[in-house]
Amino acid sequence: MDDPGFQDTDFVVAWCATCAREVLTCLGDDAEREPRRCVHCDQPIAGGFRLATGTELATEGYHEIDPPAGCGAAACGGGSCRRS
């Protein structure tokens, strides 16, 4: 079975009152006892979670999560790759 691509992978998002927007969330230090946290301000988020695909994240401004792929050469992306 093939691994799902970024576009098809689910990420947990929720509303962060501090950031006043829907954000990606991450697990707290102790995933058993701590709530998920905002990846931007680290504030605990108690609920309202939903799954979003990688495609949805890109439309919400999370473009750096799935950086463009280069050709694999060490210089790719540094301006000296002839393929870019």
PDB file of N, CA and C in Angstrom:
ATOM      1  N   MET A   1       0.843  -1.177   0.000  1.00  0.00           N
ATOM      2  CA  MET A   1       0.000   0.000   0.000  1.00  0.00           C
ATOM      3  C   MET A   1       0.888   1.239   0.000  1.00  0.00           C
ATOM      4  N   ASP A   2       0.560   2.205  -0.823  1.00  0.00           N
ATOM      5  CA  ASP A   2       1.338   3.431  -0.909  1.00  0.00           C
ATOM      6  C   ASP A   2       1.057   4.334   0.283  1.00  0.00           C
ATOM      7  N   ASP A   3       2.100   5.068   0.700  1.00  0.00           N
ATOM      8  CA  ASP A   3       1.902   6.061   1.748  1.00  0.00           C
ATOM      9  C   ASP A   3       1.101   7.221   1.177  1.00  0.00           C
ATOM     10  N   PRO A   4       0.220   7.800   1.978  1.00  0.00           N
ATOM     11  CA  PRO A   4      -0.547   8.944   1.477  1.00  0.00           C
ATOM     12  C   PRO A   4       0.369  10.136   1.251  1.00  0.00           C
ATOM     13  N   GLY A   5       0.064  10.923   0.246  1.00  0.00           N
ATOM     14  CA  GLY A   5       0.827  12.135  -0.014  1.00  0.00           C
ATOM     15  C   GLY A   5       0.409  13.236   0.941  1.00  0.00           C
ATOM     16  N   PHE A   6       1.121  14.336   0.922  1.00  0.00           N
ATOM     17  CA  PHE A   6       0.828  15.464   1.793  1.00  0.00           C
ATOM     18  C   PHE A   6      -0.616  15.922   1.621  1.00  0.00           C
ATOM     19  N   GLN A   7      -1.081  15.996   0.394  1.00  0.00           N
ATOM     20  CA  GLN A   7      -2.425  16.502   0.125  1.00  0.00           C
ATOM     21  C   GLN A   7      -3.503  15.659   0.792  1.00  0.00           C
ATOM     22  N   ASP A   8      -3.228  14.368   0.959  1.00  0.00           N
ATOM     23  CA  ASP A   8      -4.227  13.451   1.511  1.00  0.00           C
ATOM     24  C   ASP A   8      -4.035  13.155   2.996  1.00  0.00           C
ATOM     25  N   THR A   9      -2.997  13.694   3.609  1.00  0.00           N
ATOM     26  CA  THR A   9      -2.729  13.451   5.022  1.00  0.00           C
ATOM     27  C   THR A   9      -3.613  14.352   5.870  1.00  0.00           C
ATOM     28  N   ASP A  10      -4.128  13.814   6.969  1.00  0.00           N
ATOM     29  CA  ASP A  10      -4.979  14.592   7.872  1.00  0.00           C
ATOM     30  C   ASP A  10      -4.145  15.219   8.986  1.00  0.00           C
ATOM     31  N   PHE A  11      -4.462  16.481   9.309  1.00  0.00           N
ATOM     32  CA  PHE A  11      -3.825  17.225  10.377  1.00  0.00           C
ATOM     33  C   PHE A  11      -4.918  17.729  11.314  1.00  0.00           C
ATOM     34  N   VAL A  12      -4.620  17.815  12.604  1.00  0.00           N
ATOM     35  CA  VAL A  12      -5.605  18.277  13.585  1.00  0.00           C
ATOM     36  C   VAL A  12      -5.509  19.798  13.705  1.00  0.00           C
ATOM     37  N   VAL A  13      -6.622  20.473  13.449  1.00  0.00           N
ATOM     38  CA  VAL A  13      -6.698  21.927  13.555  1.00  0.00           C
ATOM     39  C   VAL A  13      -7.833  22.294  14.511  1.00  0.00           C
ATOM     40  N   ALA A  14      -7.758  23.504  15.040  1.00  0.00           N
ATOM     41  CA  ALA A  14      -8.807  24.001  15.937  1.00  0.00           C
ATOM     42  C   ALA A  14      -8.676  25.512  16.033  1.00  0.00           C
ATOM     43  N   TRP A  15      -9.719  26.137  16.588  1.00  0.00           N
ATOM     44  CA  TRP A  15      -9.710  27.589  16.778  1.00  0.00           C
ATOM     45  C   TRP A  15      -8.842  27.929  17.984  1.00  0.00           C
ATOM     46  N   CYS A  16      -7.935  28.877  17.809  1.00  0.00           N
ATOM     47  CA  CYS A  16      -7.109  29.385  18.907  1.00  0.00           C
ATOM     48  C   CYS A  16      -7.598  30.796  19.225  1.00  0.00           C
ATOM     49  N   ALA A  17      -8.092  30.997  20.438  1.00  0.00           N
ATOM     50  CA  ALA A  17      -8.606  32.303  20.837  1.00  0.00           C
ATOM     51  C   ALA A  17      -7.487  33.339  20.897  1.00  0.00           C
ATOM     52  N   THR A  18      -6.292  32.938  21.268  1.00  0.00           N
ATOM     53  CA  THR A  18      -5.172  33.869  21.366  1.00  0.00           C
ATOM     54  C   THR A  18      -4.762  34.372  19.984  1.00  0.00           C
ATOM     55  N   CYS A  19      -4.669  33.472  19.029  1.00  0.00           N
ATOM     56  CA  CYS A  19      -4.270  33.843  17.662  1.00  0.00           C
ATOM     57  C   CYS A  19      -5.464  34.349  16.841  1.00  0.00           C
ATOM     58  N   ALA A  20      -6.665  34.112  17.337  1.00  0.00           N
ATOM     59  CA  ALA A  20      -7.914  34.518  16.666  1.00  0.00           C
ATOM     60  C   ALA A  20      -8.020  33.953  15.258  1.00  0.00           C
ATOM     61  N   ARG A  21      -7.695  32.664  15.141  1.00  0.00           N
ATOM     62  CA  ARG A  21      -7.818  31.973  13.859  1.00  0.00           C
ATOM     63  C   ARG A  21      -7.738  30.477  14.074  1.00  0.00           C
ATOM     64  N   GLU A  22      -8.098  29.743  13.048  1.00  0.00           N
ATOM     65  CA  GLU A  22      -7.944  28.301  13.092  1.00  0.00           C
ATOM     66  C   GLU A  22      -6.469  27.985  12.852  1.00  0.00           C
ATOM     67  N   VAL A  23      -5.923  27.107  13.677  1.00  0.00           N
ATOM     68  CA  VAL A  23      -4.489  26.819  13.627  1.00  0.00           C
ATOM     69  C   VAL A  23      -4.229  25.325  13.656  1.00  0.00           C
ATOM     70  N   LEU A  24      -3.038  24.965  13.260  1.00  0.00           N
ATOM     71  CA  LEU A  24      -2.561  23.601  13.469  1.00  0.00           C
ATOM     72  C   LEU A  24      -2.358  23.403  14.954  1.00  0.00           C
ATOM     73  N   THR A  25      -2.557  22.187  15.419  1.00  0.00           N
ATOM     74  CA  THR A  25      -2.332  21.891  16.829  1.00  0.00           C
ATOM     75  C   THR A  25      -1.265  20.813  16.951  1.00  0.00           C
ATOM     76  N   CYS A  26      -0.674  20.755  18.129  1.00  0.00           N
ATOM     77  CA  CYS A  26       0.314  19.711  18.409  1.00  0.00           C
ATOM     78  C   CYS A  26       0.023  19.151  19.793  1.00  0.00           C
ATOM     79  N   LEU A  27       0.588  18.010  20.095  1.00  0.00           N
ATOM     80  CA  LEU A  27       0.402  17.409  21.403  1.00  0.00           C
ATOM     81  C   LEU A  27       1.242  18.152  22.428  1.00  0.00           C
ATOM     82  N   GLY A  28       0.739  18.221  23.676  1.00  0.00           N
ATOM     83  CA  GLY A  28       1.499  18.800  24.768  1.00  0.00           C
ATOM     84  C   GLY A  28       2.650  17.871  25.142  1.00  0.00           C
ATOM     85  N   ASP A  29       3.442  18.282  26.111  1.00  0.00           N
ATOM     86  CA  ASP A  29       4.594  17.475  26.539  1.00  0.00           C
ATOM     87  C   ASP A  29       4.181  16.093  27.022  1.00  0.00           C
ATOM     88  N   ASP A  30       3.060  16.008  27.692  1.00  0.00           N
ATOM     89  CA  ASP A  30       2.544  14.735  28.170  1.00  0.00           C
ATOM     90  C   ASP A  30       1.212  14.486  27.473  1.00  0.00           C
ATOM     91  N   ALA A  31       1.263  13.792  26.367  1.00  0.00           N
ATOM     92  CA  ALA A  31       0.071  13.591  25.529  1.00  0.00           C
ATOM     93  C   ALA A  31      -1.070  12.912  26.274  1.00  0.00           C
ATOM     94  N   GLU A  32      -0.753  12.181  27.340  1.00  0.00           N
ATOM     95  CA  GLU A  32      -1.797  11.509  28.118  1.00  0.00           C
ATOM     96  C   GLU A  32      -2.597  12.491  28.969  1.00  0.00           C
ATOM     97  N   ARG A  33      -1.944  13.555  29.462  1.00  0.00           N
ATOM     98  CA  ARG A  33      -2.600  14.450  30.415  1.00  0.00           C
ATOM     99  C   ARG A  33      -2.774  15.880  29.937  1.00  0.00           C
ATOM    100  N   GLU A  34      -2.029  16.296  28.950  1.00  0.00           N
ATOM    101  CA  GLU A  34      -2.094  17.682  28.499  1.00  0.00           C
ATOM    102  C   GLU A  34      -2.936  17.803  27.238  1.00  0.00           C
ATOM    103  N   PRO A  35      -3.655  18.920  27.119  1.00  0.00           N
ATOM    104  CA  PRO A  35      -4.443  19.131  25.896  1.00  0.00           C
ATOM    105  C   PRO A  35      -3.530  19.455  24.723  1.00  0.00           C
ATOM    106  N   ARG A  36      -4.088  19.410  23.558  1.00  0.00           N
ATOM    107  CA  ARG A  36      -3.345  19.839  22.377  1.00  0.00           C
ATOM    108  C   ARG A  36      -3.064  21.324  22.517  1.00  0.00           C
ATOM    109  N   ARG A  37      -2.053  21.800  21.800  1.00  0.00           N
ATOM    110  CA  ARG A  37      -1.630  23.193  21.885  1.00  0.00           C
ATOM    111  C   ARG A  37      -1.540  23.809  20.498  1.00  0.00           C
ATOM    112  N   CYS A  38      -1.657  25.121  20.458  1.00  0.00           N
ATOM    113  CA  CYS A  38      -1.486  25.882  19.218  1.00  0.00           C
ATOM    114  C   CYS A  38      -0.008  25.839  18.827  1.00  0.00           C
ATOM    115  N   VAL A  39       0.275  25.580  17.562  1.00  0.00           N
ATOM    116  CA  VAL A  39       1.677  25.531  17.127  1.00  0.00           C
ATOM    117  C   VAL A  39       2.303  26.921  17.052  1.00  0.00           C
ATOM    118  N   HIS A  40       1.483  27.968  17.096  1.00  0.00           N
ATOM    119  CA  HIS A  40       2.016  29.330  16.999  1.00  0.00           C
ATOM    120  C   HIS A  40       2.314  29.949  18.355  1.00  0.00           C
ATOM    121  N   CYS A  41       1.349  29.870  19.282  1.00  0.00           N
ATOM    122  CA  CYS A  41       1.508  30.557  20.569  1.00  0.00           C
ATOM    123  C   CYS A  41       1.643  29.589  21.742  1.00  0.00           C
ATOM    124  N   ASP A  42       1.505  28.292  21.509  1.00  0.00           N
ATOM    125  CA  ASP A  42       1.656  27.235  22.516  1.00  0.00           C
ATOM    126  C   ASP A  42       0.566  27.239  23.588  1.00  0.00           C
ATOM    127  N   GLN A  43      -0.525  27.961  23.358  1.00  0.00           N
ATOM    128  CA  GLN A  43      -1.628  27.967  24.321  1.00  0.00           C
ATOM    129  C   GLN A  43      -2.418  26.662  24.212  1.00  0.00           C
ATOM    130  N   PRO A  44      -2.874  26.131  25.353  1.00  0.00           N
ATOM    131  CA  PRO A  44      -3.697  24.916  25.317  1.00  0.00           C
ATOM    132  C   PRO A  44      -5.015  25.163  24.574  1.00  0.00           C
ATOM    133  N   ILE A  45      -5.458  24.155  23.837  1.00  0.00           N
ATOM    134  CA  ILE A  45      -6.731  24.215  23.133  1.00  0.00           C
ATOM    135  C   ILE A  45      -7.544  23.024  23.616  1.00  0.00           C
ATOM    136  N   ALA A  46      -8.683  23.312  24.206  1.00  0.00           N
ATOM    137  CA  ALA A  46      -9.464  22.274  24.871  1.00  0.00           C
ATOM    138  C   ALA A  46     -10.392  21.489  23.958  1.00  0.00           C
ATOM    139  N   GLY A  47     -10.815  22.058  22.851  1.00  0.00           N
ATOM    140  CA  GLY A  47     -11.761  21.336  22.010  1.00  0.00           C
ATOM    141  C   GLY A  47     -12.002  22.029  20.694  1.00  0.00           C
ATOM    142  N   GLY A  48     -13.008  21.545  19.991  1.00  0.00           N
ATOM    143  CA  GLY A  48     -13.338  22.095  18.681  1.00  0.00           C
ATOM    144  C   GLY A  48     -12.398  21.617  17.593  1.00  0.00           C
ATOM    145  N   PHE A  49     -11.822  20.450  17.780  1.00  0.00           N
ATOM    146  CA  PHE A  49     -10.852  19.930  16.820  1.00  0.00           C
ATOM    147  C   PHE A  49     -11.542  19.378  15.584  1.00  0.00           C
ATOM    148  N   ARG A  50     -10.855  19.478  14.481  1.00  0.00           N
ATOM    149  CA  ARG A  50     -11.317  18.841  13.247  1.00  0.00           C
ATOM    150  C   ARG A  50     -10.091  18.428  12.456  1.00  0.00           C
ATOM    151  N   LEU A  51     -10.295  17.527  11.528  1.00  0.00           N
ATOM    152  CA  LEU A  51      -9.207  17.100  10.653  1.00  0.00           C
ATOM    153  C   LEU A  51      -9.231  17.928   9.381  1.00  0.00           C
ATOM    154  N   ALA A  52      -8.054  18.320   8.935  1.00  0.00           N
ATOM    155  CA  ALA A  52      -7.906  19.059   7.681  1.00  0.00           C
ATOM    156  C   ALA A  52      -6.833  18.368   6.854  1.00  0.00           C
ATOM    157  N   THR A  53      -7.067  18.263   5.571  1.00  0.00           N
ATOM    158  CA  THR A  53      -6.067  17.649   4.690  1.00  0.00           C
ATOM    159  C   THR A  53      -4.956  18.647   4.389  1.00  0.00           C
ATOM    160  N   GLY A  54      -3.848  18.157   3.877  1.00  0.00           N
ATOM    161  CA  GLY A  54      -2.753  19.022   3.482  1.00  0.00           C
ATOM    162  C   GLY A  54      -3.186  20.060   2.465  1.00  0.00           C
ATOM    163  N   THR A  55      -4.087  19.698   1.585  1.00  0.00           N
ATOM    164  CA  THR A  55      -4.601  20.648   0.602  1.00  0.00           C
ATOM    165  C   THR A  55      -5.329  21.797   1.288  1.00  0.00           C
ATOM    166  N   GLU A  56      -6.140  21.480   2.289  1.00  0.00           N
ATOM    167  CA  GLU A  56      -6.842  22.525   3.035  1.00  0.00           C
ATOM    168  C   GLU A  56      -5.859  23.439   3.760  1.00  0.00           C
ATOM    169  N   LEU A  57      -4.804  22.868   4.321  1.00  0.00           N
ATOM    170  CA  LEU A  57      -3.823  23.682   5.036  1.00  0.00           C
ATOM    171  C   LEU A  57      -3.168  24.690   4.107  1.00  0.00           C
ATOM    172  N   ALA A  58      -2.867  24.273   2.906  1.00  0.00           N
ATOM    173  CA  ALA A  58      -2.234  25.179   1.947  1.00  0.00           C
ATOM    174  C   ALA A  58      -3.140  26.365   1.639  1.00  0.00           C
ATOM    175  N   THR A  59      -4.443  26.150   1.596  1.00  0.00           N
ATOM    176  CA  THR A  59      -5.360  27.262   1.321  1.00  0.00           C
ATOM    177  C   THR A  59      -5.515  28.167   2.536  1.00  0.00           C
ATOM    178  N   GLU A  60      -5.119  27.688   3.707  1.00  0.00           N
ATOM    179  CA  GLU A  60      -5.195  28.482   4.939  1.00  0.00           C
ATOM    180  C   GLU A  60      -3.873  29.187   5.246  1.00  0.00           C
ATOM    181  N   GLY A  61      -2.917  29.106   4.343  1.00  0.00           N
ATOM    182  CA  GLY A  61      -1.662  29.825   4.537  1.00  0.00           C
ATOM    183  C   GLY A  61      -0.510  28.998   5.044  1.00  0.00           C
ATOM    184  N   TYR A  62      -0.682  27.712   5.206  1.00  0.00           N
ATOM    185  CA  TYR A  62       0.406  26.841   5.654  1.00  0.00           C
ATOM    186  C   TYR A  62       1.164  26.289   4.453  1.00  0.00           C
ATOM    187  N   HIS A  63       1.864  27.153   3.749  1.00  0.00           N
ATOM    188  CA  HIS A  63       2.566  26.744   2.535  1.00  0.00           C
ATOM    189  C   HIS A  63       3.910  26.095   2.830  1.00  0.00           C
ATOM    190  N   GLU A  64       4.545  26.433   3.913  1.00  0.00           N
ATOM    191  CA  GLU A  64       5.877  25.921   4.206  1.00  0.00           C
ATOM    192  C   GLU A  64       5.887  24.492   4.716  1.00  0.00           C
ATOM    193  N   ILE A  65       4.732  23.929   5.013  1.00  0.00           N
ATOM    194  CA  ILE A  65       4.679  22.550   5.493  1.00  0.00           C
ATOM    195  C   ILE A  65       5.075  21.590   4.384  1.00  0.00           C
ATOM    196  N   ASP A  66       4.688  21.877   3.182  1.00  0.00           N
ATOM    197  CA  ASP A  66       4.996  21.018   2.038  1.00  0.00           C
ATOM    198  C   ASP A  66       5.855  21.820   1.068  1.00  0.00           C
ATOM    199  N   PRO A  67       7.166  21.989   1.390  1.00  0.00           N
ATOM    200  CA  PRO A  67       8.004  22.807   0.523  1.00  0.00           C
ATOM    201  C   PRO A  67       8.137  22.194  -0.861  1.00  0.00           C
ATOM    202  N   PRO A  68       8.365  23.045  -1.874  1.00  0.00           N
ATOM    203  CA  PRO A  68       8.533  22.514  -3.219  1.00  0.00           C
ATOM    204  C   PRO A  68       9.725  21.572  -3.277  1.00  0.00           C
ATOM    205  N   ALA A  69       9.561  20.500  -4.001  1.00  0.00           N
ATOM    206  CA  ALA A  69      10.644  19.531  -4.134  1.00  0.00           C
ATOM    207  C   ALA A  69      11.665  20.034  -5.136  1.00  0.00           C
ATOM    208  N   GLY A  70      12.925  19.816  -4.834  1.00  0.00           N
ATOM    209  CA  GLY A  70      13.992  20.181  -5.752  1.00  0.00           C
ATOM    210  C   GLY A  70      14.414  18.966  -6.551  1.00  0.00           C
ATOM    211  N   CYS A  71      15.499  19.111  -7.259  1.00  0.00           N
ATOM    212  CA  CYS A  71      15.976  18.009  -8.096  1.00  0.00           C
ATOM    213  C   CYS A  71      16.819  17.017  -7.302  1.00  0.00           C
ATOM    214  N   GLY A  72      17.176  17.378  -6.063  1.00  0.00           N
ATOM    215  CA  GLY A  72      17.979  16.480  -5.242  1.00  0.00           C
ATOM    216  C   GLY A  72      19.445  16.868  -5.183  1.00  0.00           C
ATOM    217  N   ALA A  73      19.880  17.748  -6.062  1.00  0.00           N
ATOM    218  CA  ALA A  73      21.270  18.197  -6.042  1.00  0.00           C
ATOM    219  C   ALA A  73      21.494  19.096  -4.834  1.00  0.00           C
ATOM    220  N   ALA A  74      22.693  19.061  -4.277  1.00  0.00           N
ATOM    221  CA  ALA A  74      23.005  19.857  -3.091  1.00  0.00           C
ATOM    222  C   ALA A  74      22.783  21.352  -3.337  1.00  0.00           C
ATOM    223  N   ALA A  75      23.013  21.830  -4.546  1.00  0.00           N
ATOM    224  CA  ALA A  75      22.871  23.250  -4.857  1.00  0.00           C
ATOM    225  C   ALA A  75      21.446  23.641  -5.195  1.00  0.00           C
ATOM    226  N   CYS A  76      20.554  22.678  -5.309  1.00  0.00           N
ATOM    227  CA  CYS A  76      19.173  22.983  -5.702  1.00  0.00           C
ATOM    228  C   CYS A  76      18.522  23.856  -4.631  1.00  0.00           C
ATOM    229  N   GLY A  77      17.890  24.908  -5.062  1.00  0.00           N
ATOM    230  CA  GLY A  77      17.250  25.829  -4.152  1.00  0.00           C
ATOM    231  C   GLY A  77      18.158  26.951  -3.704  1.00  0.00           C
ATOM    232  N   GLY A  78      19.428  26.823  -3.972  1.00  0.00           N
ATOM    233  CA  GLY A  78      20.386  27.853  -3.582  1.00  0.00           C
ATOM    234  C   GLY A  78      20.702  28.820  -4.703  1.00  0.00           C
ATOM    235  N   GLY A  79      20.031  28.690  -5.829  1.00  0.00           N
ATOM    236  CA  GLY A  79      20.227  29.603  -6.944  1.00  0.00           C
ATOM    237  C   GLY A  79      21.251  29.138  -7.964  1.00  0.00           C
ATOM    238  N   SER A  80      21.967  28.061  -7.661  1.00  0.00           N
ATOM    239  CA  SER A  80      22.977  27.607  -8.615  1.00  0.00           C
ATOM    240  C   SER A  80      22.586  26.318  -9.327  1.00  0.00           C
ATOM    241  N   CYS A  81      21.396  25.843  -9.100  1.00  0.00           N
ATOM    242  CA  CYS A  81      20.919  24.658  -9.794  1.00  0.00           C
ATOM    243  C   CYS A  81      20.338  25.096 -11.136  1.00  0.00           C
ATOM    244  N   ARG A  82      20.728  24.472 -12.194  1.00  0.00           N
ATOM    245  CA  ARG A  82      20.254  24.864 -13.528  1.00  0.00           C
ATOM    246  C   ARG A  82      18.833  24.395 -13.808  1.00  0.00           C
ATOM    247  N   ARG A  83      18.306  23.499 -12.993  1.00  0.00           N
ATOM    248  CA  ARG A  83      16.950  22.992 -13.224  1.00  0.00           C
ATOM    249  C   ARG A  83      15.880  23.897 -12.612  1.00  0.00           C
ATOM    250  N   SER A  84      16.241  24.773 -11.674  1.00  0.00           N
ATOM    251  CA  SER A  84      15.215  25.561 -10.997  1.00  0.00           C
ATOM    252  C   SER A  84      14.793  26.763 -11.779  1.00  0.00           C
TER     253      SER A  84
END
